[in-house]
PDB file of all heavy atoms in Angstrom:
ATOM      1  N   GLY A   1       7.123 -11.303  -2.550  1.00  0.00           N
ATOM      2  CA  GLY A   1       6.109 -10.538  -3.237  1.00  0.00           C
ATOM      3  C   GLY A   1       5.074 -11.345  -3.985  1.00  0.00           C
ATOM      4  O   GLY A   1       4.283 -10.770  -4.740  1.00  0.00           O
ATOM      5  N   VAL A   2       5.044 -12.649  -3.777  1.00  0.00           N
ATOM      6  CA  VAL A   2       4.086 -13.481  -4.485  1.00  0.00           C
ATOM      7  C   VAL A   2       2.666 -13.269  -3.968  1.00  0.00           C
ATOM      8  O   VAL A   2       1.710 -13.235  -4.742  1.00  0.00           O
ATOM      9  CB  VAL A   2       4.472 -14.963  -4.381  1.00  0.00           C
ATOM     10  CG1 VAL A   2       3.384 -15.857  -4.969  1.00  0.00           C
ATOM     11  CG2 VAL A   2       5.794 -15.207  -5.089  1.00  0.00           C
ATOM     12  N   ASN A   3       2.529 -13.110  -2.662  1.00  0.00           N
ATOM     13  CA  ASN A   3       1.218 -12.988  -2.040  1.00  0.00           C
ATOM     14  C   ASN A   3       1.025 -11.588  -1.481  1.00  0.00           C
ATOM     15  O   ASN A   3       1.919 -11.023  -0.856  1.00  0.00           O
ATOM     16  CB  ASN A   3       1.059 -14.007  -0.920  1.00  0.00           C
ATOM     17  CG  ASN A   3       1.241 -15.434  -1.392  1.00  0.00           C
ATOM     18  OD1 ASN A   3       2.165 -16.124  -0.952  1.00  0.00           O
ATOM     19  ND2 ASN A   3       0.377 -15.872  -2.293  1.00  0.00           N
ATOM     20  N   THR A   4      -0.158 -11.043  -1.710  1.00  0.00           N
ATOM     21  CA  THR A   4      -0.502  -9.730  -1.181  1.00  0.00           C
ATOM     22  C   THR A   4      -1.872  -9.767  -0.529  1.00  0.00           C
ATOM     23  O   THR A   4      -2.705 -10.622  -0.834  1.00  0.00           O
ATOM     24  CB  THR A   4      -0.496  -8.648  -2.268  1.00  0.00           C
ATOM     25  OG1 THR A   4      -1.403  -9.015  -3.322  1.00  0.00           O
ATOM     26  CG2 THR A   4       0.900  -8.466  -2.843  1.00  0.00           C
ATOM     27  N   TYR A   5      -2.081  -8.824   0.365  1.00  0.00           N
ATOM     28  CA  TYR A   5      -3.357  -8.664   1.050  1.00  0.00           C
ATOM     29  C   TYR A   5      -3.714  -7.185   1.046  1.00  0.00           C
ATOM     30  O   TYR A   5      -2.844  -6.328   1.214  1.00  0.00           O
ATOM     31  CB  TYR A   5      -3.259  -9.156   2.497  1.00  0.00           C
ATOM     32  CG  TYR A   5      -4.405  -8.691   3.363  1.00  0.00           C
ATOM     33  CD1 TYR A   5      -5.578  -9.435   3.452  1.00  0.00           C
ATOM     34  CD2 TYR A   5      -4.322  -7.498   4.072  1.00  0.00           C
ATOM     35  CE1 TYR A   5      -6.632  -8.999   4.226  1.00  0.00           C
ATOM     36  CE2 TYR A   5      -5.376  -7.061   4.851  1.00  0.00           C
ATOM     37  CZ  TYR A   5      -6.534  -7.815   4.923  1.00  0.00           C
ATOM     38  OH  TYR A   5      -7.581  -7.383   5.690  1.00  0.00           O
ATOM     39  N   TYR A   6      -5.006  -6.901   0.878  1.00  0.00           N
ATOM     40  CA  TYR A   6      -5.490  -5.530   0.953  1.00  0.00           C
ATOM     41  C   TYR A   6      -6.758  -5.468   1.777  1.00  0.00           C
ATOM     42  O   TYR A   6      -7.614  -6.351   1.683  1.00  0.00           O
ATOM     43  CB  TYR A   6      -5.789  -4.973  -0.442  1.00  0.00           C
ATOM     44  CG  TYR A   6      -4.588  -4.880  -1.334  1.00  0.00           C
ATOM     45  CD1 TYR A   6      -4.285  -5.895  -2.238  1.00  0.00           C
ATOM     46  CD2 TYR A   6      -3.747  -3.775  -1.278  1.00  0.00           C
ATOM     47  CE1 TYR A   6      -3.174  -5.810  -3.058  1.00  0.00           C
ATOM     48  CE2 TYR A   6      -2.639  -3.684  -2.094  1.00  0.00           C
ATOM     49  CZ  TYR A   6      -2.354  -4.704  -2.984  1.00  0.00           C
ATOM     50  OH  TYR A   6      -1.247  -4.619  -3.796  1.00  0.00           O
ATOM     51  N   ALA A   7      -6.863  -4.434   2.571  1.00  0.00           N
ATOM     52  CA  ALA A   7      -8.123  -4.164   3.244  1.00  0.00           C
ATOM     53  C   ALA A   7      -9.190  -3.868   2.197  1.00  0.00           C
ATOM     54  O   ALA A   7      -8.904  -3.315   1.134  1.00  0.00           O
ATOM     55  CB  ALA A   7      -7.974  -2.988   4.203  1.00  0.00           C
ATOM     56  N   ASP A   8     -10.418  -4.220   2.514  1.00  0.00           N
ATOM     57  CA  ASP A   8     -11.496  -4.089   1.535  1.00  0.00           C
ATOM     58  C   ASP A   8     -11.653  -2.661   1.010  1.00  0.00           C
ATOM     59  O   ASP A   8     -11.923  -2.458  -0.179  1.00  0.00           O
ATOM     60  CB  ASP A   8     -12.820  -4.553   2.144  1.00  0.00           C
ATOM     61  CG  ASP A   8     -12.899  -6.056   2.285  1.00  0.00           C
ATOM     62  OD1 ASP A   8     -12.111  -6.769   1.631  1.00  0.00           O
ATOM     63  OD2 ASP A   8     -13.771  -6.528   3.049  1.00  0.00           O
ATOM     64  N   ASP A   9     -11.488  -1.684   1.867  1.00  0.00           N
ATOM     65  CA  ASP A   9     -11.748  -0.312   1.452  1.00  0.00           C
ATOM     66  C   ASP A   9     -10.621   0.317   0.633  1.00  0.00           C
ATOM     67  O   ASP A   9     -10.761   1.463   0.189  1.00  0.00           O
ATOM     68  CB  ASP A   9     -12.095   0.568   2.659  1.00  0.00           C
ATOM     69  CG  ASP A   9     -11.002   0.623   3.704  1.00  0.00           C
ATOM     70  OD1 ASP A   9     -10.051  -0.174   3.636  1.00  0.00           O
ATOM     71  OD2 ASP A   9     -11.110   1.480   4.602  1.00  0.00           O
ATOM     72  N   VAL A  10      -9.519  -0.405   0.416  1.00  0.00           N
ATOM     73  CA  VAL A  10      -8.455   0.126  -0.426  1.00  0.00           C
ATOM     74  C   VAL A  10      -8.213  -0.714  -1.669  1.00  0.00           C
ATOM     75  O   VAL A  10      -7.400  -0.327  -2.525  1.00  0.00           O
ATOM     76  CB  VAL A  10      -7.133   0.308   0.342  1.00  0.00           C
ATOM     77  CG1 VAL A  10      -7.356   1.128   1.604  1.00  0.00           C
ATOM     78  CG2 VAL A  10      -6.495  -1.037   0.664  1.00  0.00           C
ATOM     79  N   LYS A  11      -8.898  -1.831  -1.793  1.00  0.00           N
ATOM     80  CA  LYS A  11      -8.726  -2.680  -2.971  1.00  0.00           C
ATOM     81  C   LYS A  11      -9.061  -1.910  -4.238  1.00  0.00           C
ATOM     82  O   LYS A  11     -10.065  -1.215  -4.315  1.00  0.00           O
ATOM     83  CB  LYS A  11      -9.614  -3.923  -2.870  1.00  0.00           C
ATOM     84  CG  LYS A  11      -9.141  -4.945  -1.868  1.00  0.00           C
ATOM     85  CD  LYS A  11     -10.060  -6.159  -1.837  1.00  0.00           C
ATOM     86  CE  LYS A  11      -9.570  -7.190  -0.847  1.00  0.00           C
ATOM     87  NZ  LYS A  11     -10.483  -8.349  -0.763  1.00  0.00           N
ATOM     88  N   GLY A  12      -8.198  -2.039  -5.220  1.00  0.00           N
ATOM     89  CA  GLY A  12      -8.381  -1.333  -6.472  1.00  0.00           C
ATOM     90  C   GLY A  12      -7.807   0.063  -6.484  1.00  0.00           C
ATOM     91  O   GLY A  12      -7.699   0.677  -7.553  1.00  0.00           O
ATOM     92  N   ARG A  13      -7.451   0.586  -5.322  1.00  0.00           N
ATOM     93  CA  ARG A  13      -6.884   1.929  -5.223  1.00  0.00           C
ATOM     94  C   ARG A  13      -5.421   1.922  -4.777  1.00  0.00           C
ATOM     95  O   ARG A  13      -4.632   2.742  -5.237  1.00  0.00           O
ATOM     96  CB  ARG A  13      -7.688   2.790  -4.248  1.00  0.00           C
ATOM     97  CG  ARG A  13      -9.141   2.986  -4.659  1.00  0.00           C
ATOM     98  CD  ARG A  13      -9.801   4.065  -3.810  1.00  0.00           C
ATOM     99  NE  ARG A  13      -9.847   3.696  -2.392  1.00  0.00           N
ATOM    100  CZ  ARG A  13      -9.302   4.417  -1.414  1.00  0.00           C
ATOM    101  NH1 ARG A  13      -8.678   5.553  -1.689  1.00  0.00           N
ATOM    102  NH2 ARG A  13      -9.407   4.022  -0.153  1.00  0.00           N
ATOM    103  N   PHE A  14      -5.085   1.011  -3.873  1.00  0.00           N
ATOM    104  CA  PHE A  14      -3.731   0.941  -3.328  1.00  0.00           C
ATOM    105  C   PHE A  14      -3.022  -0.297  -3.860  1.00  0.00           C
ATOM    106  O   PHE A  14      -3.649  -1.344  -4.078  1.00  0.00           O
ATOM    107  CB  PHE A  14      -3.756   0.854  -1.805  1.00  0.00           C
ATOM    108  CG  PHE A  14      -4.214   2.095  -1.089  1.00  0.00           C
ATOM    109  CD1 PHE A  14      -4.764   3.169  -1.764  1.00  0.00           C
ATOM    110  CD2 PHE A  14      -4.087   2.177   0.288  1.00  0.00           C
ATOM    111  CE1 PHE A  14      -5.185   4.304  -1.097  1.00  0.00           C
ATOM    112  CE2 PHE A  14      -4.500   3.306   0.971  1.00  0.00           C
ATOM    113  CZ  PHE A  14      -5.049   4.366   0.283  1.00  0.00           C
ATOM    114  N   THR A  15      -1.714  -0.190  -4.023  1.00  0.00           N
ATOM    115  CA  THR A  15      -0.898  -1.316  -4.451  1.00  0.00           C
ATOM    116  C   THR A  15       0.361  -1.378  -3.601  1.00  0.00           C
ATOM    117  O   THR A  15       1.093  -0.396  -3.500  1.00  0.00           O
ATOM    118  CB  THR A  15      -0.497  -1.207  -5.929  1.00  0.00           C
ATOM    119  OG1 THR A  15      -1.668  -1.120  -6.748  1.00  0.00           O
ATOM    120  CG2 THR A  15       0.304  -2.434  -6.351  1.00  0.00           C
ATOM    121  N   ILE A  16       0.604  -2.531  -2.999  1.00  0.00           N
ATOM    122  CA  ILE A  16       1.832  -2.741  -2.246  1.00  0.00           C
ATOM    123  C   ILE A  16       2.817  -3.509  -3.125  1.00  0.00           C
ATOM    124  O   ILE A  16       2.430  -4.404  -3.880  1.00  0.00           O
ATOM    125  CB  ILE A  16       1.567  -3.489  -0.917  1.00  0.00           C
ATOM    126  CG1 ILE A  16       2.827  -3.525  -0.052  1.00  0.00           C
ATOM    127  CG2 ILE A  16       1.021  -4.888  -1.159  1.00  0.00           C
ATOM    128  CD1 ILE A  16       2.580  -4.035   1.372  1.00  0.00           C
ATOM    129  N   SER A  17       4.071  -3.135  -3.042  1.00  0.00           N
ATOM    130  CA  SER A  17       5.108  -3.819  -3.796  1.00  0.00           C
ATOM    131  C   SER A  17       6.406  -3.755  -3.011  1.00  0.00           C
ATOM    132  O   SER A  17       6.532  -2.981  -2.053  1.00  0.00           O
ATOM    133  CB  SER A  17       5.283  -3.207  -5.192  1.00  0.00           C
ATOM    134  OG  SER A  17       5.681  -1.847  -5.110  1.00  0.00           O
ATOM    135  N   ARG A  18       7.364  -4.566  -3.405  1.00  0.00           N
ATOM    136  CA  ARG A  18       8.659  -4.530  -2.730  1.00  0.00           C
ATOM    137  C   ARG A  18       9.775  -4.740  -3.737  1.00  0.00           C
ATOM    138  O   ARG A  18       9.614  -5.443  -4.735  1.00  0.00           O
ATOM    139  CB  ARG A  18       8.730  -5.564  -1.598  1.00  0.00           C
ATOM    140  CG  ARG A  18       8.673  -7.013  -2.041  1.00  0.00           C
ATOM    141  CD  ARG A  18       8.448  -7.945  -0.842  1.00  0.00           C
ATOM    142  NE  ARG A  18       9.552  -7.909   0.103  1.00  0.00           N
ATOM    143  CZ  ARG A  18       9.479  -8.353   1.355  1.00  0.00           C
ATOM    144  NH1 ARG A  18       8.336  -8.851   1.828  1.00  0.00           N
ATOM    145  NH2 ARG A  18      10.547  -8.280   2.144  1.00  0.00           N
ATOM    146  N   ASP A  19      10.901  -4.128  -3.450  1.00  0.00           N
ATOM    147  CA  ASP A  19      12.107  -4.285  -4.233  1.00  0.00           C
ATOM    148  C   ASP A  19      13.162  -4.792  -3.267  1.00  0.00           C
ATOM    149  O   ASP A  19      13.772  -4.013  -2.531  1.00  0.00           O
ATOM    150  CB  ASP A  19      12.520  -2.965  -4.875  1.00  0.00           C
ATOM    151  CG  ASP A  19      13.705  -3.112  -5.814  1.00  0.00           C
ATOM    152  OD1 ASP A  19      14.451  -4.108  -5.704  1.00  0.00           O
ATOM    153  OD2 ASP A  19      13.893  -2.230  -6.663  1.00  0.00           O
ATOM    154  N   ASN A  20      13.363  -6.086  -3.254  1.00  0.00           N
ATOM    155  CA  ASN A  20      14.270  -6.679  -2.279  1.00  0.00           C
ATOM    156  C   ASN A  20      15.725  -6.275  -2.510  1.00  0.00           C
ATOM    157  O   ASN A  20      16.512  -6.246  -1.567  1.00  0.00           O
ATOM    158  CB  ASN A  20      14.127  -8.201  -2.286  1.00  0.00           C
ATOM    159  CG  ASN A  20      12.806  -8.654  -1.703  1.00  0.00           C
ATOM    160  OD1 ASN A  20      12.206  -7.960  -0.881  1.00  0.00           O
ATOM    161  ND2 ASN A  20      12.346  -9.820  -2.113  1.00  0.00           N
ATOM    162  N   ALA A  21      16.081  -5.960  -3.746  1.00  0.00           N
ATOM    163  CA  ALA A  21      17.432  -5.500  -4.032  1.00  0.00           C
ATOM    164  C   ALA A  21      17.702  -4.140  -3.402  1.00  0.00           C
ATOM    165  O   ALA A  21      18.849  -3.804  -3.110  1.00  0.00           O
ATOM    166  CB  ALA A  21      17.668  -5.438  -5.534  1.00  0.00           C
ATOM    167  N   LYS A  22      16.653  -3.350  -3.193  1.00  0.00           N
ATOM    168  CA  LYS A  22      16.782  -2.032  -2.584  1.00  0.00           C
ATOM    169  C   LYS A  22      16.318  -2.003  -1.136  1.00  0.00           C
ATOM    170  O   LYS A  22      16.310  -0.940  -0.518  1.00  0.00           O
ATOM    171  CB  LYS A  22      16.001  -0.999  -3.389  1.00  0.00           C
ATOM    172  CG  LYS A  22      16.517  -0.784  -4.797  1.00  0.00           C
ATOM    173  CD  LYS A  22      15.727   0.290  -5.512  1.00  0.00           C
ATOM    174  CE  LYS A  22      16.279   0.546  -6.899  1.00  0.00           C
ATOM    175  NZ  LYS A  22      15.513   1.590  -7.614  1.00  0.00           N
ATOM    176  N   ASN A  23      15.919  -3.140  -0.603  1.00  0.00           N
ATOM    177  CA  ASN A  23      15.413  -3.227   0.776  1.00  0.00           C
ATOM    178  C   ASN A  23      14.297  -2.216   1.017  1.00  0.00           C
ATOM    179  O   ASN A  23      14.266  -1.525   2.047  1.00  0.00           O
ATOM    180  CB  ASN A  23      16.539  -3.003   1.786  1.00  0.00           C
ATOM    181  CG  ASN A  23      17.487  -4.175   1.889  1.00  0.00           C
ATOM    182  OD1 ASN A  23      17.340  -5.179   1.192  1.00  0.00           O
ATOM    183  ND2 ASN A  23      18.473  -4.062   2.766  1.00  0.00           N
ATOM    184  N   THR A  24      13.383  -2.140   0.077  1.00  0.00           N
ATOM    185  CA  THR A  24      12.345  -1.125   0.133  1.00  0.00           C
ATOM    186  C   THR A  24      10.985  -1.722  -0.204  1.00  0.00           C
ATOM    187  O   THR A  24      10.865  -2.540  -1.120  1.00  0.00           O
ATOM    188  CB  THR A  24      12.648   0.029  -0.836  1.00  0.00           C
ATOM    189  OG1 THR A  24      13.926   0.594  -0.508  1.00  0.00           O
ATOM    190  CG2 THR A  24      11.600   1.122  -0.733  1.00  0.00           C
ATOM    191  N   VAL A  25       9.977  -1.291   0.546  1.00  0.00           N
ATOM    192  CA  VAL A  25       8.599  -1.642   0.247  1.00  0.00           C
ATOM    193  C   VAL A  25       7.847  -0.353  -0.050  1.00  0.00           C
ATOM    194  O   VAL A  25       8.135   0.693   0.540  1.00  0.00           O
ATOM    195  CB  VAL A  25       7.953  -2.438   1.402  1.00  0.00           C
ATOM    196  CG1 VAL A  25       7.890  -1.611   2.682  1.00  0.00           C
ATOM    197  CG2 VAL A  25       6.571  -2.938   1.007  1.00  0.00           C
ATOM    198  N   TYR A  26       6.900  -0.430  -0.971  1.00  0.00           N
ATOM    199  CA  TYR A  26       6.167   0.742  -1.424  1.00  0.00           C
ATOM    200  C   TYR A  26       4.672   0.557  -1.213  1.00  0.00           C
ATOM    201  O   TYR A  26       4.156  -0.561  -1.201  1.00  0.00           O
ATOM    202  CB  TYR A  26       6.408   0.998  -2.912  1.00  0.00           C
ATOM    203  CG  TYR A  26       7.853   1.134  -3.294  1.00  0.00           C
ATOM    204  CD1 TYR A  26       8.568   0.036  -3.765  1.00  0.00           C
ATOM    205  CD2 TYR A  26       8.507   2.356  -3.195  1.00  0.00           C
ATOM    206  CE1 TYR A  26       9.902   0.157  -4.125  1.00  0.00           C
ATOM    207  CE2 TYR A  26       9.837   2.488  -3.551  1.00  0.00           C
ATOM    208  CZ  TYR A  26      10.530   1.388  -4.014  1.00  0.00           C
ATOM    209  OH  TYR A  26      11.852   1.511  -4.366  1.00  0.00           O
ATOM    210  N   LEU A  27       3.993   1.661  -1.076  1.00  0.00           N
ATOM    211  CA  LEU A  27       2.539   1.670  -1.112  1.00  0.00           C
ATOM    212  C   LEU A  27       2.110   2.770  -2.063  1.00  0.00           C
ATOM    213  O   LEU A  27       2.235   3.956  -1.747  1.00  0.00           O
ATOM    214  CB  LEU A  27       1.934   1.900   0.276  1.00  0.00           C
ATOM    215  CG  LEU A  27       0.413   1.804   0.341  1.00  0.00           C
ATOM    216  CD1 LEU A  27      -0.049   0.368   0.075  1.00  0.00           C
ATOM    217  CD2 LEU A  27      -0.113   2.291   1.687  1.00  0.00           C
ATOM    218  N   GLN A  28       1.647   2.371  -3.230  1.00  0.00           N
ATOM    219  CA  GLN A  28       1.114   3.314  -4.196  1.00  0.00           C
ATOM    220  C   GLN A  28      -0.351   3.546  -3.874  1.00  0.00           C
ATOM    221  O   GLN A  28      -1.137   2.599  -3.845  1.00  0.00           O
ATOM    222  CB  GLN A  28       1.266   2.772  -5.617  1.00  0.00           C
ATOM    223  CG  GLN A  28       0.696   3.675  -6.700  1.00  0.00           C
ATOM    224  CD  GLN A  28       1.445   4.976  -6.836  1.00  0.00           C
ATOM    225  OE1 GLN A  28       2.673   4.979  -6.855  1.00  0.00           O
ATOM    226  NE2 GLN A  28       0.724   6.082  -6.924  1.00  0.00           N
ATOM    227  N   MET A  29      -0.716   4.779  -3.643  1.00  0.00           N
ATOM    228  CA  MET A  29      -2.073   5.131  -3.258  1.00  0.00           C
ATOM    229  C   MET A  29      -2.666   6.040  -4.326  1.00  0.00           C
ATOM    230  O   MET A  29      -2.185   7.152  -4.540  1.00  0.00           O
ATOM    231  CB  MET A  29      -2.089   5.825  -1.896  1.00  0.00           C
ATOM    232  CG  MET A  29      -1.432   5.009  -0.788  1.00  0.00           C
ATOM    233  SD  MET A  29      -1.603   5.774   0.843  1.00  0.00           S
ATOM    234  CE  MET A  29      -0.596   7.240   0.593  1.00  0.00           C
ATOM    235  N   ASN A  30      -3.695   5.559  -4.977  1.00  0.00           N
ATOM    236  CA  ASN A  30      -4.390   6.317  -6.010  1.00  0.00           C
ATOM    237  C   ASN A  30      -5.815   6.605  -5.571  1.00  0.00           C
ATOM    238  O   ASN A  30      -6.346   5.968  -4.671  1.00  0.00           O
ATOM    239  CB  ASN A  30      -4.399   5.539  -7.326  1.00  0.00           C
ATOM    240  CG  ASN A  30      -3.027   5.274  -7.877  1.00  0.00           C
ATOM    241  OD1 ASN A  30      -2.105   6.071  -7.711  1.00  0.00           O
ATOM    242  ND2 ASN A  30      -2.868   4.141  -8.561  1.00  0.00           N
ATOM    243  N   SER A  31      -6.432   7.554  -6.246  1.00  0.00           N
ATOM    244  CA  SER A  31      -7.822   7.923  -5.969  1.00  0.00           C
ATOM    245  C   SER A  31      -8.053   8.147  -4.485  1.00  0.00           C
ATOM    246  O   SER A  31      -9.005   7.633  -3.892  1.00  0.00           O
ATOM    247  CB  SER A  31      -8.771   6.842  -6.502  1.00  0.00           C
ATOM    248  OG  SER A  31      -8.607   6.657  -7.892  1.00  0.00           O
ATOM    249  N   LEU A  32      -7.194   8.934  -3.888  1.00  0.00           N
ATOM    250  CA  LEU A  32      -7.249   9.141  -2.450  1.00  0.00           C
ATOM    251  C   LEU A  32      -8.517   9.866  -2.030  1.00  0.00           C
ATOM    252  O   LEU A  32      -9.023  10.739  -2.740  1.00  0.00           O
ATOM    253  CB  LEU A  32      -6.019   9.908  -1.986  1.00  0.00           C
ATOM    254  CG  LEU A  32      -4.753   9.053  -1.898  1.00  0.00           C
ATOM    255  CD1 LEU A  32      -3.518   9.923  -1.876  1.00  0.00           C
ATOM    256  CD2 LEU A  32      -4.808   8.156  -0.661  1.00  0.00           C
ATOM    257  N   LYS A  33      -9.009   9.486  -0.862  1.00  0.00           N
ATOM    258  CA  LYS A  33     -10.213  10.045  -0.278  1.00  0.00           C
ATOM    259  C   LYS A  33      -9.874  10.694   1.057  1.00  0.00           C
ATOM    260  O   LYS A  33      -8.910  10.304   1.707  1.00  0.00           O
ATOM    261  CB  LYS A  33     -11.255   8.947  -0.051  1.00  0.00           C
ATOM    262  CG  LYS A  33     -11.609   8.133  -1.279  1.00  0.00           C
ATOM    263  CD  LYS A  33     -12.522   6.974  -0.908  1.00  0.00           C
ATOM    264  CE  LYS A  33     -12.859   6.123  -2.114  1.00  0.00           C
ATOM    265  NZ  LYS A  33     -13.722   4.968  -1.735  1.00  0.00           N
ATOM    266  N   PRO A  34     -10.677  11.661   1.486  1.00  0.00           N
ATOM    267  CA  PRO A  34     -10.412  12.267   2.797  1.00  0.00           C
ATOM    268  C   PRO A  34     -10.347  11.243   3.923  1.00  0.00           C
ATOM    269  O   PRO A  34      -9.572  11.427   4.867  1.00  0.00           O
ATOM    270  CB  PRO A  34     -11.595  13.224   2.978  1.00  0.00           C
ATOM    271  CG  PRO A  34     -11.949  13.621   1.583  1.00  0.00           C
ATOM    272  CD  PRO A  34     -11.748  12.371   0.760  1.00  0.00           C
ATOM    273  N   GLU A  35     -11.111  10.174   3.840  1.00  0.00           N
ATOM    274  CA  GLU A  35     -11.092   9.149   4.873  1.00  0.00           C
ATOM    275  C   GLU A  35      -9.812   8.328   4.892  1.00  0.00           C
ATOM    276  O   GLU A  35      -9.603   7.521   5.801  1.00  0.00           O
ATOM    277  CB  GLU A  35     -12.312   8.227   4.766  1.00  0.00           C
ATOM    278  CG  GLU A  35     -12.532   7.646   3.380  1.00  0.00           C
ATOM    279  CD  GLU A  35     -13.559   8.418   2.574  1.00  0.00           C
ATOM    280  OE1 GLU A  35     -13.526   9.665   2.596  1.00  0.00           O
ATOM    281  OE2 GLU A  35     -14.404   7.777   1.918  1.00  0.00           O
ATOM    282  N   ASP A  36      -8.942   8.519   3.905  1.00  0.00           N
ATOM    283  CA  ASP A  36      -7.627   7.890   3.918  1.00  0.00           C
ATOM    284  C   ASP A  36      -6.642   8.648   4.802  1.00  0.00           C
ATOM    285  O   ASP A  36      -5.523   8.170   5.028  1.00  0.00           O
ATOM    286  CB  ASP A  36      -7.051   7.792   2.509  1.00  0.00           C
ATOM    287  CG  ASP A  36      -7.847   6.857   1.608  1.00  0.00           C
ATOM    288  OD1 ASP A  36      -8.254   5.773   2.081  1.00  0.00           O
ATOM    289  OD2 ASP A  36      -8.045   7.207   0.427  1.00  0.00           O
ATOM    290  N   THR A  37      -7.028   9.807   5.274  1.00  0.00           N
ATOM    291  CA  THR A  37      -6.159  10.611   6.121  1.00  0.00           C
ATOM    292  C   THR A  37      -5.788   9.846   7.385  1.00  0.00           C
ATOM    293  O   THR A  37      -6.662   9.380   8.121  1.00  0.00           O
ATOM    294  CB  THR A  37      -6.839  11.934   6.484  1.00  0.00           C
ATOM    295  OG1 THR A  37      -7.035  12.711   5.302  1.00  0.00           O
ATOM    296  CG2 THR A  37      -5.988  12.734   7.462  1.00  0.00           C
ATOM    297  N   ALA A  38      -4.501   9.702   7.625  1.00  0.00           N
ATOM    298  CA  ALA A  38      -4.013   8.942   8.772  1.00  0.00           C
ATOM    299  C   ALA A  38      -2.499   9.024   8.810  1.00  0.00           C
ATOM    300  O   ALA A  38      -1.861   9.482   7.858  1.00  0.00           O
ATOM    301  CB  ALA A  38      -4.448   7.470   8.673  1.00  0.00           C
ATOM    302  N   VAL A  39      -1.938   8.558   9.902  1.00  0.00           N
ATOM    303  CA  VAL A  39      -0.513   8.278   9.944  1.00  0.00           C
ATOM    304  C   VAL A  39      -0.320   6.869   9.420  1.00  0.00           C
ATOM    305  O   VAL A  39      -0.968   5.928   9.892  1.00  0.00           O
ATOM    306  CB  VAL A  39       0.061   8.412  11.364  1.00  0.00           C
ATOM    307  CG1 VAL A  39       1.538   8.029  11.381  1.00  0.00           C
ATOM    308  CG2 VAL A  39      -0.120   9.835  11.873  1.00  0.00           C
ATOM    309  N   TYR A  40       0.547   6.716   8.449  1.00  0.00           N
ATOM    310  CA  TYR A  40       0.810   5.421   7.848  1.00  0.00           C
ATOM    311  C   TYR A  40       2.128   4.868   8.365  1.00  0.00           C
ATOM    312  O   TYR A  40       3.147   5.563   8.373  1.00  0.00           O
ATOM    313  CB  TYR A  40       0.853   5.539   6.324  1.00  0.00           C
ATOM    314  CG  TYR A  40      -0.525   5.654   5.709  1.00  0.00           C
ATOM    315  CD1 TYR A  40      -1.271   6.810   5.861  1.00  0.00           C
ATOM    316  CD2 TYR A  40      -1.083   4.593   5.002  1.00  0.00           C
ATOM    317  CE1 TYR A  40      -2.544   6.916   5.327  1.00  0.00           C
ATOM    318  CE2 TYR A  40      -2.353   4.689   4.453  1.00  0.00           C
ATOM    319  CZ  TYR A  40      -3.079   5.844   4.619  1.00  0.00           C
ATOM    320  OH  TYR A  40      -4.348   5.943   4.079  1.00  0.00           O
ATOM    321  N   TYR A  41       2.095   3.609   8.788  1.00  0.00           N
ATOM    322  CA  TYR A  41       3.245   2.945   9.372  1.00  0.00           C
ATOM    323  C   TYR A  41       3.662   1.746   8.540  1.00  0.00           C
ATOM    324  O   TYR A  41       2.823   0.948   8.127  1.00  0.00           O
ATOM    325  CB  TYR A  41       2.933   2.447  10.780  1.00  0.00           C
ATOM    326  CG  TYR A  41       2.603   3.525  11.775  1.00  0.00           C
ATOM    327  CD1 TYR A  41       1.299   3.949  11.962  1.00  0.00           C
ATOM    328  CD2 TYR A  41       3.609   4.110  12.542  1.00  0.00           C
ATOM    329  CE1 TYR A  41       0.991   4.934  12.889  1.00  0.00           C
ATOM    330  CE2 TYR A  41       3.310   5.089  13.466  1.00  0.00           C
ATOM    331  CZ  TYR A  41       2.002   5.497  13.635  1.00  0.00           C
ATOM    332  OH  TYR A  41       1.704   6.473  14.557  1.00  0.00           O
ATOM    333  N   CYS A  42       4.941   1.621   8.339  1.00  0.00           N
ATOM    334  CA  CYS A  42       5.527   0.437   7.739  1.00  0.00           C
ATOM    335  C   CYS A  42       5.895  -0.534   8.854  1.00  0.00           C
ATOM    336  O   CYS A  42       6.365  -0.122   9.919  1.00  0.00           O
ATOM    337  CB  CYS A  42       6.770   0.840   6.939  1.00  0.00           C
ATOM    338  SG  CYS A  42       7.697  -0.518   6.211  1.00  0.00           S
ATOM    339  N   ALA A  43       5.679  -1.813   8.628  1.00  0.00           N
ATOM    340  CA  ALA A  43       5.991  -2.817   9.634  1.00  0.00           C
ATOM    341  C   ALA A  43       6.549  -4.070   8.984  1.00  0.00           C
ATOM    342  O   ALA A  43       6.196  -4.406   7.856  1.00  0.00           O
ATOM    343  CB  ALA A  43       4.742  -3.157  10.450  1.00  0.00           C
TER     344      ALA A  43
END
């Protein structure tokens, strides 16, 4: 979790984080816009 990357159009609105003890990654999405509508995939 030291390094993160964000697409330009989500910077300042989305935050990626991970909890390795829980084997889980999160995407916090704030200030959502209609153009954010999509199927979101974890990889």
